[in-house]
């Protein structure tokens, strides 16, 4: 995970996971609407997932 991705996770979580698919962006966006911390955590978890 690059340094730019980590910064995007902190500043705007849905933008950090834009290349992971529509579902990941939607989940991260909804969690960000509920609160910044859940959205940032979800983005970090999605980016650290191995596929």
PDB file of N, CA and C in Angstrom:
ATOM      1  N   UNK A   1       0.854  -1.166   0.000  1.00  0.00           N
ATOM      2  CA  UNK A   1       0.000   0.000   0.000  1.00  0.00           C
ATOM      3  C   UNK A   1       0.903   1.232   0.000  1.00  0.00           C
ATOM      4  N   UNK A   2       0.627   2.135  -0.901  1.00  0.00           N
ATOM      5  CA  UNK A   2       1.459   3.325  -1.049  1.00  0.00           C
ATOM      6  C   UNK A   2       1.086   4.396  -0.024  1.00  0.00           C
ATOM      7  N   UNK A   3       1.986   5.327   0.133  1.00  0.00           N
ATOM      8  CA  UNK A   3       1.780   6.428   1.072  1.00  0.00           C
ATOM      9  C   UNK A   3       0.601   7.303   0.637  1.00  0.00           C
ATOM     10  N   UNK A   4       0.446   7.461  -0.674  1.00  0.00           N
ATOM     11  CA  UNK A   4      -0.672   8.246  -1.197  1.00  0.00           C
ATOM     12  C   UNK A   4      -2.011   7.609  -0.832  1.00  0.00           C
ATOM     13  N   UNK A   5      -2.083   6.284  -0.895  1.00  0.00           N
ATOM     14  CA  UNK A   5      -3.332   5.597  -0.529  1.00  0.00           C
ATOM     15  C   UNK A   5      -3.672   5.801   0.932  1.00  0.00           C
ATOM     16  N   UNK A   6      -2.677   5.770   1.794  1.00  0.00           N
ATOM     17  CA  UNK A   6      -2.923   5.975   3.225  1.00  0.00           C
ATOM     18  C   UNK A   6      -3.434   7.385   3.472  1.00  0.00           C
ATOM     19  N   UNK A   7      -2.841   8.363   2.795  1.00  0.00           N
ATOM     20  CA  UNK A   7      -3.294   9.747   2.940  1.00  0.00           C
ATOM     21  C   UNK A   7      -4.729   9.889   2.437  1.00  0.00           C
ATOM     22  N   UNK A   8      -5.058   9.239   1.313  1.00  0.00           N
ATOM     23  CA  UNK A   8      -6.433   9.281   0.811  1.00  0.00           C
ATOM     24  C   UNK A   8      -7.399   8.596   1.771  1.00  0.00           C
ATOM     25  N   UNK A   9      -6.960   7.519   2.424  1.00  0.00           N
ATOM     26  CA  UNK A   9      -7.818   6.849   3.410  1.00  0.00           C
ATOM     27  C   UNK A   9      -8.165   7.784   4.556  1.00  0.00           C
ATOM     28  N   UNK A  10      -7.223   8.615   4.920  1.00  0.00           N
ATOM     29  CA  UNK A  10      -7.452   9.535   6.034  1.00  0.00           C
ATOM     30  C   UNK A  10      -8.317  10.723   5.596  1.00  0.00           C
ATOM     31  N   UNK A  11      -8.042  11.270   4.415  1.00  0.00           N
ATOM     32  CA  UNK A  11      -8.742  12.479   3.980  1.00  0.00           C
ATOM     33  C   UNK A  11     -10.120  12.196   3.376  1.00  0.00           C
ATOM     34  N   UNK A  12     -10.192  11.252   2.453  1.00  0.00           N
ATOM     35  CA  UNK A  12     -11.455  10.931   1.792  1.00  0.00           C
ATOM     36  C   UNK A  12     -11.481   9.437   1.470  1.00  0.00           C
ATOM     37  N   UNK A  13     -11.964   8.619   2.400  1.00  0.00           N
ATOM     38  CA  UNK A  13     -11.886   7.169   2.262  1.00  0.00           C
ATOM     39  C   UNK A  13     -12.482   6.577   0.978  1.00  0.00           C
ATOM     40  N   UNK A  14     -13.643   7.032   0.469  1.00  0.00           N
ATOM     41  CA  UNK A  14     -14.165   6.411  -0.752  1.00  0.00           C
ATOM     42  C   UNK A  14     -13.251   6.591  -1.964  1.00  0.00           C
ATOM     43  N   UNK A  15     -12.529   7.674  -2.023  1.00  0.00           N
ATOM     44  CA  UNK A  15     -11.621   7.901  -3.144  1.00  0.00           C
ATOM     45  C   UNK A  15     -10.435   6.935  -3.116  1.00  0.00           C
ATOM     46  N   UNK A  16     -10.045   6.498  -1.944  1.00  0.00           N
ATOM     47  CA  UNK A  16      -8.908   5.584  -1.818  1.00  0.00           C
ATOM     48  C   UNK A  16      -9.231   4.193  -2.352  1.00  0.00           C
ATOM     49  N   UNK A  17     -10.499   3.786  -2.325  1.00  0.00           N
ATOM     50  CA  UNK A  17     -10.867   2.432  -2.754  1.00  0.00           C
ATOM     51  C   UNK A  17     -11.600   2.431  -4.092  1.00  0.00           C
ATOM     52  N   UNK A  18     -11.443   3.490  -4.869  1.00  0.00           N
ATOM     53  CA  UNK A  18     -12.190   3.636  -6.125  1.00  0.00           C
ATOM     54  C   UNK A  18     -11.887   2.513  -7.122  1.00  0.00           C
ATOM     55  N   UNK A  19     -10.685   1.955  -7.098  1.00  0.00           N
ATOM     56  CA  UNK A  19     -10.331   0.911  -8.048  1.00  0.00           C
ATOM     57  C   UNK A  19     -10.652  -0.499  -7.548  1.00  0.00           C
ATOM     58  N   UNK A  20     -11.241  -0.619  -6.373  1.00  0.00           N
ATOM     59  CA  UNK A  20     -11.581  -1.921  -5.808  1.00  0.00           C
ATOM     60  C   UNK A  20     -12.993  -2.381  -6.154  1.00  0.00           C
ATOM     61  N   UNK A  21     -13.745  -1.565  -6.875  1.00  0.00           N
ATOM     62  CA  UNK A  21     -15.080  -1.956  -7.300  1.00  0.00           C
ATOM     63  C   UNK A  21     -16.163  -1.107  -6.665  1.00  0.00           C
ATOM     64  N   UNK A  22     -17.332  -1.205  -7.251  1.00  0.00           N
ATOM     65  CA  UNK A  22     -18.470  -0.386  -6.837  1.00  0.00           C
ATOM     66  C   UNK A  22     -18.934  -0.728  -5.417  1.00  0.00           C
ATOM     67  N   UNK A  23     -18.899  -1.994  -5.061  1.00  0.00           N
ATOM     68  CA  UNK A  23     -19.342  -2.399  -3.730  1.00  0.00           C
ATOM     69  C   UNK A  23     -18.471  -1.824  -2.631  1.00  0.00           C
ATOM     70  N   UNK A  24     -17.173  -1.854  -2.840  1.00  0.00           N
ATOM     71  CA  UNK A  24     -16.251  -1.313  -1.840  1.00  0.00           C
ATOM     72  C   UNK A  24     -16.426   0.188  -1.692  1.00  0.00           C
ATOM     73  N   UNK A  25     -16.609   0.878  -2.801  1.00  0.00           N
ATOM     74  CA  UNK A  25     -16.808   2.325  -2.752  1.00  0.00           C
ATOM     75  C   UNK A  25     -18.111   2.654  -2.033  1.00  0.00           C
ATOM     76  N   UNK A  26     -19.166   1.897  -2.317  1.00  0.00           N
ATOM     77  CA  UNK A  26     -20.464   2.138  -1.691  1.00  0.00           C
ATOM     78  C   UNK A  26     -20.405   1.908  -0.185  1.00  0.00           C
ATOM     79  N   UNK A  27     -19.806   0.797   0.224  1.00  0.00           N
ATOM     80  CA  UNK A  27     -19.698   0.492   1.650  1.00  0.00           C
ATOM     81  C   UNK A  27     -18.883   1.555   2.367  1.00  0.00           C
ATOM     82  N   UNK A  28     -17.773   1.919   1.778  1.00  0.00           N
ATOM     83  CA  UNK A  28     -16.912   2.932   2.398  1.00  0.00           C
ATOM     84  C   UNK A  28     -17.612   4.283   2.456  1.00  0.00           C
ATOM     85  N   UNK A  29     -18.353   4.629   1.399  1.00  0.00           N
ATOM     86  CA  UNK A  29     -19.077   5.895   1.384  1.00  0.00           C
ATOM     87  C   UNK A  29     -20.157   5.928   2.466  1.00  0.00           C
ATOM     88  N   UNK A  30     -20.905   4.843   2.602  1.00  0.00           N
ATOM     89  CA  UNK A  30     -21.957   4.797   3.625  1.00  0.00           C
ATOM     90  C   UNK A  30     -21.371   4.857   5.029  1.00  0.00           C
ATOM     91  N   UNK A  31     -20.263   4.161   5.243  1.00  0.00           N
ATOM     92  CA  UNK A  31     -19.630   4.224   6.557  1.00  0.00           C
ATOM     93  C   UNK A  31     -19.047   5.609   6.838  1.00  0.00           C
ATOM     94  N   UNK A  32     -18.561   6.275   5.795  1.00  0.00           N
ATOM     95  CA  UNK A  32     -18.055   7.630   5.966  1.00  0.00           C
ATOM     96  C   UNK A  32     -19.190   8.592   6.313  1.00  0.00           C
ATOM     97  N   UNK A  33     -20.371   8.358   5.756  1.00  0.00           N
ATOM     98  CA  UNK A  33     -21.522   9.189   6.117  1.00  0.00           C
ATOM     99  C   UNK A  33     -21.919   8.993   7.578  1.00  0.00           C
ATOM    100  N   UNK A  34     -21.745   7.777   8.081  1.00  0.00           N
ATOM    101  CA  UNK A  34     -22.058   7.508   9.488  1.00  0.00           C
ATOM    102  C   UNK A  34     -21.036   8.143  10.422  1.00  0.00           C
ATOM    103  N   UNK A  35     -19.853   8.308   9.937  1.00  0.00           N
ATOM    104  CA  UNK A  35     -18.783   8.899  10.739  1.00  0.00           C
ATOM    105  C   UNK A  35     -17.476   8.715  10.005  1.00  0.00           C
ATOM    106  N   UNK A  36     -16.587   9.647  10.206  1.00  0.00           N
ATOM    107  CA  UNK A  36     -15.329   9.611   9.471  1.00  0.00           C
ATOM    108  C   UNK A  36     -14.481   8.393   9.850  1.00  0.00           C
ATOM    109  N   UNK A  37     -14.440   8.058  11.127  1.00  0.00           N
ATOM    110  CA  UNK A  37     -13.585   6.965  11.600  1.00  0.00           C
ATOM    111  C   UNK A  37     -13.993   5.615  11.007  1.00  0.00           C
ATOM    112  N   UNK A  38     -15.275   5.230  11.005  1.00  0.00           N
ATOM    113  CA  UNK A  38     -15.626   3.943  10.391  1.00  0.00           C
ATOM    114  C   UNK A  38     -15.274   3.881   8.901  1.00  0.00           C
ATOM    115  N   UNK A  39     -15.430   4.983   8.196  1.00  0.00           N
ATOM    116  CA  UNK A  39     -15.083   5.006   6.783  1.00  0.00           C
ATOM    117  C   UNK A  39     -13.594   4.851   6.551  1.00  0.00           C
ATOM    118  N   UNK A  40     -12.795   5.514   7.372  1.00  0.00           N
ATOM    119  CA  UNK A  40     -11.340   5.410   7.244  1.00  0.00           C
ATOM    120  C   UNK A  40     -10.861   4.007   7.588  1.00  0.00           C
ATOM    121  N   UNK A  41     -11.426   3.412   8.609  1.00  0.00           N
ATOM    122  CA  UNK A  41     -11.049   2.046   8.988  1.00  0.00           C
ATOM    123  C   UNK A  41     -11.437   1.067   7.891  1.00  0.00           C
ATOM    124  N   UNK A  42     -12.632   1.216   7.346  1.00  0.00           N
ATOM    125  CA  UNK A  42     -13.073   0.321   6.268  1.00  0.00           C
ATOM    126  C   UNK A  42     -12.172   0.453   5.046  1.00  0.00           C
ATOM    127  N   UNK A  43     -11.785   1.660   4.709  1.00  0.00           N
ATOM    128  CA  UNK A  43     -10.905   1.855   3.562  1.00  0.00           C
ATOM    129  C   UNK A  43      -9.553   1.199   3.794  1.00  0.00           C
ATOM    130  N   UNK A  44      -9.002   1.333   4.984  1.00  0.00           N
ATOM    131  CA  UNK A  44      -7.727   0.692   5.291  1.00  0.00           C
ATOM    132  C   UNK A  44      -7.834  -0.826   5.249  1.00  0.00           C
ATOM    133  N   UNK A  45      -8.938  -1.367   5.752  1.00  0.00           N
ATOM    134  CA  UNK A  45      -9.137  -2.822   5.724  1.00  0.00           C
ATOM    135  C   UNK A  45      -9.274  -3.311   4.287  1.00  0.00           C
ATOM    136  N   UNK A  46     -10.031  -2.616   3.478  1.00  0.00           N
ATOM    137  CA  UNK A  46     -10.224  -3.018   2.072  1.00  0.00           C
ATOM    138  C   UNK A  46      -8.911  -2.963   1.312  1.00  0.00           C
ATOM    139  N   UNK A  47      -8.106  -1.954   1.557  1.00  0.00           N
ATOM    140  CA  UNK A  47      -6.830  -1.832   0.851  1.00  0.00           C
ATOM    141  C   UNK A  47      -5.813  -2.867   1.322  1.00  0.00           C
ATOM    142  N   UNK A  48      -5.910  -3.332   2.562  1.00  0.00           N
ATOM    143  CA  UNK A  48      -4.961  -4.321   3.067  1.00  0.00           C
ATOM    144  C   UNK A  48      -5.376  -5.761   2.781  1.00  0.00           C
ATOM    145  N   UNK A  49      -6.568  -5.957   2.248  1.00  0.00           N
ATOM    146  CA  UNK A  49      -7.056  -7.296   1.928  1.00  0.00           C
ATOM    147  C   UNK A  49      -6.239  -7.908   0.802  1.00  0.00           C
ATOM    148  N   UNK A  50      -5.875  -9.166   0.937  1.00  0.00           N
ATOM    149  CA  UNK A  50      -5.142  -9.882  -0.120  1.00  0.00           C
ATOM    150  C   UNK A  50      -6.108 -10.581  -1.048  1.00  0.00           C
ATOM    151  N   UNK A  51      -5.842 -10.468  -2.333  1.00  0.00           N
ATOM    152  CA  UNK A  51      -6.676 -11.173  -3.315  1.00  0.00           C
ATOM    153  C   UNK A  51      -5.813 -11.873  -4.308  1.00  0.00           C
TER     154      UNK A  51
END
